[in-house]
Structures are given as C-alpha cells and as structure tokens.
C-alpha cells in the first residue's frame, strides 16, 4: 500500500512540475521577440551606405567601406560591412541576417551586437561565437573575413 501511495504522489508531483514549467516559447518570450529591433545592426560609430559592392568610399576621404561576401547559412544569408580608417576597423554593420521568424529576430537581436563589439575589440575575425547563435556566428565570421580580406587587413 505504501508503494502505491508513494508512486501516486510522485506521479502527481511530476505532472504538476511539467505543467508549471515555462518554456522559452511562452507568450512573454514571443512578445519580446516581436518587439526586438530588426534594422541592420551597426556599432553606432557611423552610417552604412547600403552598398552591396565590394568596396565604396564613405563620406570622408580617409575611411573606406568594404562589404563582405554574403555567407549562406541554414537559416538565411549573413552579410557584414566594415568601415576602415587608417588600417583600423572603425565601424561594423550587419546588413543582412536571418530574420524570417520571431525566434531568428530574438536570437539575432542578442547575438549581433555582441559579434559587432567583439570585432571592434579584436580588429580581426578571430572572435568568440555567441552561444545559442552558432549558425549566425559562423556566417558572420565568414562574411567578416571576406570584408577584411578586401580591406587587406
């Protein structure tokens, strides 16, 4: 009899815990993902020219903008644009990235600013991946390396 009561109470406890668990796909997470900004991510140091060519000259004569090749990923293309002045990366913009659904927007709203800051700090494509955004991080690094190659860095 004790075993049956113990089994029943354990089962009830597990069921209560399962129904009380809030997953990342709950309505609160979806609402915050839909309110995330989906505009191209920049470092804030300048504006992007919107050019899709290999390179273009920006507003000042000493800085040049280089757009990396578009990297195809499982969730969509990723394309990075860098501005170089005096051999230093001064601005990074992510002009194309996966944003086809709420989860993509949520992940990239968190990951892309981290990747941009890592790039500005490292001044190279040797940066850490963002946990939970591995596919986007891989595409970002691939496109970033293409832009850096074009810049000769």
Protein backbone atom coordinates (compact mmCIF):
# COMPACT_ATOMS: atom_id res chain seq x y z
CA UNK A 1 0.00 0.00 0.00
CA UNK A 2 2.85 2.40 0.84
CA UNK A 3 4.43 1.80 -2.58
CA UNK A 4 1.18 2.67 -4.36
CA UNK A 5 0.76 5.92 -2.39
CA UNK A 6 4.41 6.85 -2.99
CA UNK A 7 4.08 6.11 -6.73
CA UNK A 8 0.85 8.14 -6.98
CA UNK A 9 2.30 11.16 -5.16
CA UNK A 10 5.44 11.05 -7.32
CA UNK A 11 3.35 10.97 -10.47
CA UNK A 12 1.21 13.90 -9.33
CA UNK A 13 4.35 15.90 -8.46
CA UNK A 14 5.91 15.29 -11.87
CA UNK A 15 2.71 16.27 -13.69
CA UNK A 16 2.39 19.50 -11.65
CA UNK A 17 6.02 20.39 -12.36
CA UNK A 18 5.64 19.73 -16.09
CA UNK A 19 2.54 21.90 -16.44
CA UNK A 20 4.08 24.66 -14.33
CA UNK A 21 7.31 24.87 -16.40
CA UNK A 22 7.53 27.99 -18.59
CA UNK A 23 9.35 27.31 -21.84
CA UNK A 24 11.20 29.84 -23.99
CA UNK A 25 8.33 29.72 -26.47
CA UNK A 26 5.81 31.06 -23.97
CA UNK A 27 3.80 34.16 -24.88
CA UNK A 28 6.13 36.50 -22.94
CA UNK A 29 9.17 35.45 -24.96
CA UNK A 30 7.28 35.71 -28.24
CA UNK A 31 6.06 39.21 -27.37
CA UNK A 32 9.58 40.40 -26.58
CA UNK A 33 10.92 38.83 -29.78
CA UNK A 34 8.37 40.68 -31.87
CA UNK A 35 9.33 43.99 -30.27
CA UNK A 36 13.04 43.50 -30.99
CA UNK A 37 14.64 45.80 -33.49
CA UNK A 38 15.19 44.19 -36.86
CA UNK A 39 17.04 47.03 -38.54
CA UNK A 40 20.60 46.42 -39.71
CA UNK A 41 22.92 46.25 -36.72
CA UNK A 42 25.73 48.80 -36.57
CA UNK A 43 28.28 49.75 -33.99
CA UNK A 44 26.87 53.25 -33.85
CA UNK A 45 30.11 54.91 -34.98
CA UNK A 46 28.83 55.68 -38.48
CA UNK A 47 26.16 55.03 -41.02
CA UNK A 48 26.08 52.35 -43.64
CA UNK A 49 25.98 53.34 -47.26
CA UNK A 50 23.75 50.45 -48.30
CA UNK A 51 26.25 49.46 -50.98
CA UNK A 52 26.40 45.84 -51.99
CA UNK A 53 29.57 46.20 -54.00
CA UNK A 54 32.98 45.01 -52.86
CA UNK A 55 34.01 48.43 -51.60
CA UNK A 56 32.92 52.02 -51.70
CA UNK A 57 34.17 55.26 -50.28
CA UNK A 58 32.13 56.69 -47.44
CA UNK A 59 31.64 60.36 -46.54
CA UNK A 60 35.23 61.08 -45.50
CA UNK A 61 38.23 60.65 -47.74
CA UNK A 62 40.22 58.64 -45.16
CA UNK A 63 37.69 55.91 -44.43
CA UNK A 64 36.61 53.18 -46.80
CA UNK A 65 33.68 50.78 -46.54
CA UNK A 66 34.05 47.13 -47.53
CA UNK A 67 31.11 44.76 -47.86
CA UNK A 68 31.91 41.10 -47.31
CA UNK A 69 30.51 38.31 -49.43
CA UNK A 70 27.10 37.06 -48.37
CA UNK A 71 27.53 33.86 -46.34
CA UNK A 72 24.75 31.32 -46.79
CA UNK A 73 23.68 29.65 -43.56
CA UNK A 74 20.99 27.14 -42.72
CA UNK A 75 18.64 29.93 -41.54
CA UNK A 76 19.48 32.53 -44.19
CA UNK A 77 22.25 34.75 -45.52
CA UNK A 78 24.57 36.83 -43.33
CA UNK A 79 26.48 39.79 -44.74
CA UNK A 80 28.84 42.14 -42.92
CA UNK A 81 30.07 45.59 -43.91
CA UNK A 82 33.10 47.21 -42.28
CA UNK A 83 34.46 50.74 -42.36
CA UNK A 84 38.24 51.03 -42.20
CA UNK A 85 40.20 54.19 -41.43
CA UNK A 86 43.96 54.20 -41.06
CA UNK A 87 44.18 50.40 -41.08
CA UNK A 88 41.70 50.10 -38.19
CA UNK A 89 38.14 48.81 -38.29
CA UNK A 90 36.09 51.76 -37.05
CA UNK A 91 32.56 50.56 -37.78
CA UNK A 92 30.81 47.26 -38.41
CA UNK A 93 27.32 46.86 -39.87
CA UNK A 94 25.39 43.64 -40.36
CA UNK A 95 23.43 44.42 -43.50
CA UNK A 96 21.81 41.02 -43.97
CA UNK A 97 20.98 38.36 -41.39
CA UNK A 98 18.26 35.75 -40.74
CA UNK A 99 15.04 37.39 -39.58
CA UNK A 100 12.37 35.13 -41.03
CA UNK A 101 10.60 34.43 -37.75
CA UNK A 102 10.35 35.61 -34.15
CA UNK A 103 12.99 33.20 -32.91
CA UNK A 104 15.51 34.43 -35.53
CA UNK A 105 14.82 38.04 -34.58
CA UNK A 106 15.16 37.26 -30.88
CA UNK A 107 18.45 35.40 -31.29
CA UNK A 108 19.98 37.97 -33.62
CA UNK A 109 18.86 40.96 -31.54
CA UNK A 110 21.00 39.49 -28.77
CA UNK A 111 23.87 37.99 -30.79
CA UNK A 112 24.70 40.58 -33.46
CA UNK A 113 25.60 43.47 -31.12
CA UNK A 114 27.92 41.09 -29.26
CA UNK A 115 29.58 39.99 -32.51
CA UNK A 116 29.98 43.61 -33.66
CA UNK A 117 31.62 44.60 -30.36
CA UNK A 118 33.89 41.55 -30.44
CA UNK A 119 35.01 42.55 -33.95
CA UNK A 120 35.78 46.12 -32.91
CA UNK A 121 37.73 44.88 -29.89
CA UNK A 122 39.68 42.16 -31.74
CA UNK A 123 40.18 44.07 -35.02
CA UNK A 124 40.06 40.70 -36.78
CA UNK A 125 37.77 37.76 -37.50
CA UNK A 126 39.31 35.84 -34.60
CA UNK A 127 36.31 36.32 -32.31
CA UNK A 128 34.27 34.14 -29.99
CA UNK A 129 30.99 32.61 -31.12
CA UNK A 130 27.78 33.58 -29.37
CA UNK A 131 26.22 30.67 -27.54
CA UNK A 132 22.79 29.89 -28.96
CA UNK A 133 23.59 31.67 -32.23
CA UNK A 134 26.24 29.38 -33.66
CA UNK A 135 24.85 29.34 -37.20
CA UNK A 136 24.62 33.14 -37.37
CA UNK A 137 28.06 33.46 -35.73
CA UNK A 138 29.62 31.18 -38.35
CA UNK A 139 28.05 33.16 -41.20
CA UNK A 140 29.09 36.44 -39.58
CA UNK A 141 32.73 35.35 -39.27
CA UNK A 142 32.77 34.08 -42.87
CA UNK A 143 31.42 37.37 -44.27
CA UNK A 144 33.62 39.41 -41.91
CA UNK A 145 36.74 37.59 -43.10
CA UNK A 146 35.76 38.33 -46.70
CA UNK A 147 35.43 42.04 -45.90
CA UNK A 148 38.73 42.05 -44.00
CA UNK A 149 40.44 40.34 -46.97
CA UNK A 150 39.11 43.01 -49.30
CA UNK A 151 40.44 45.69 -46.93
CA UNK A 152 43.83 43.99 -46.79
CA UNK A 153 43.69 43.52 -43.02
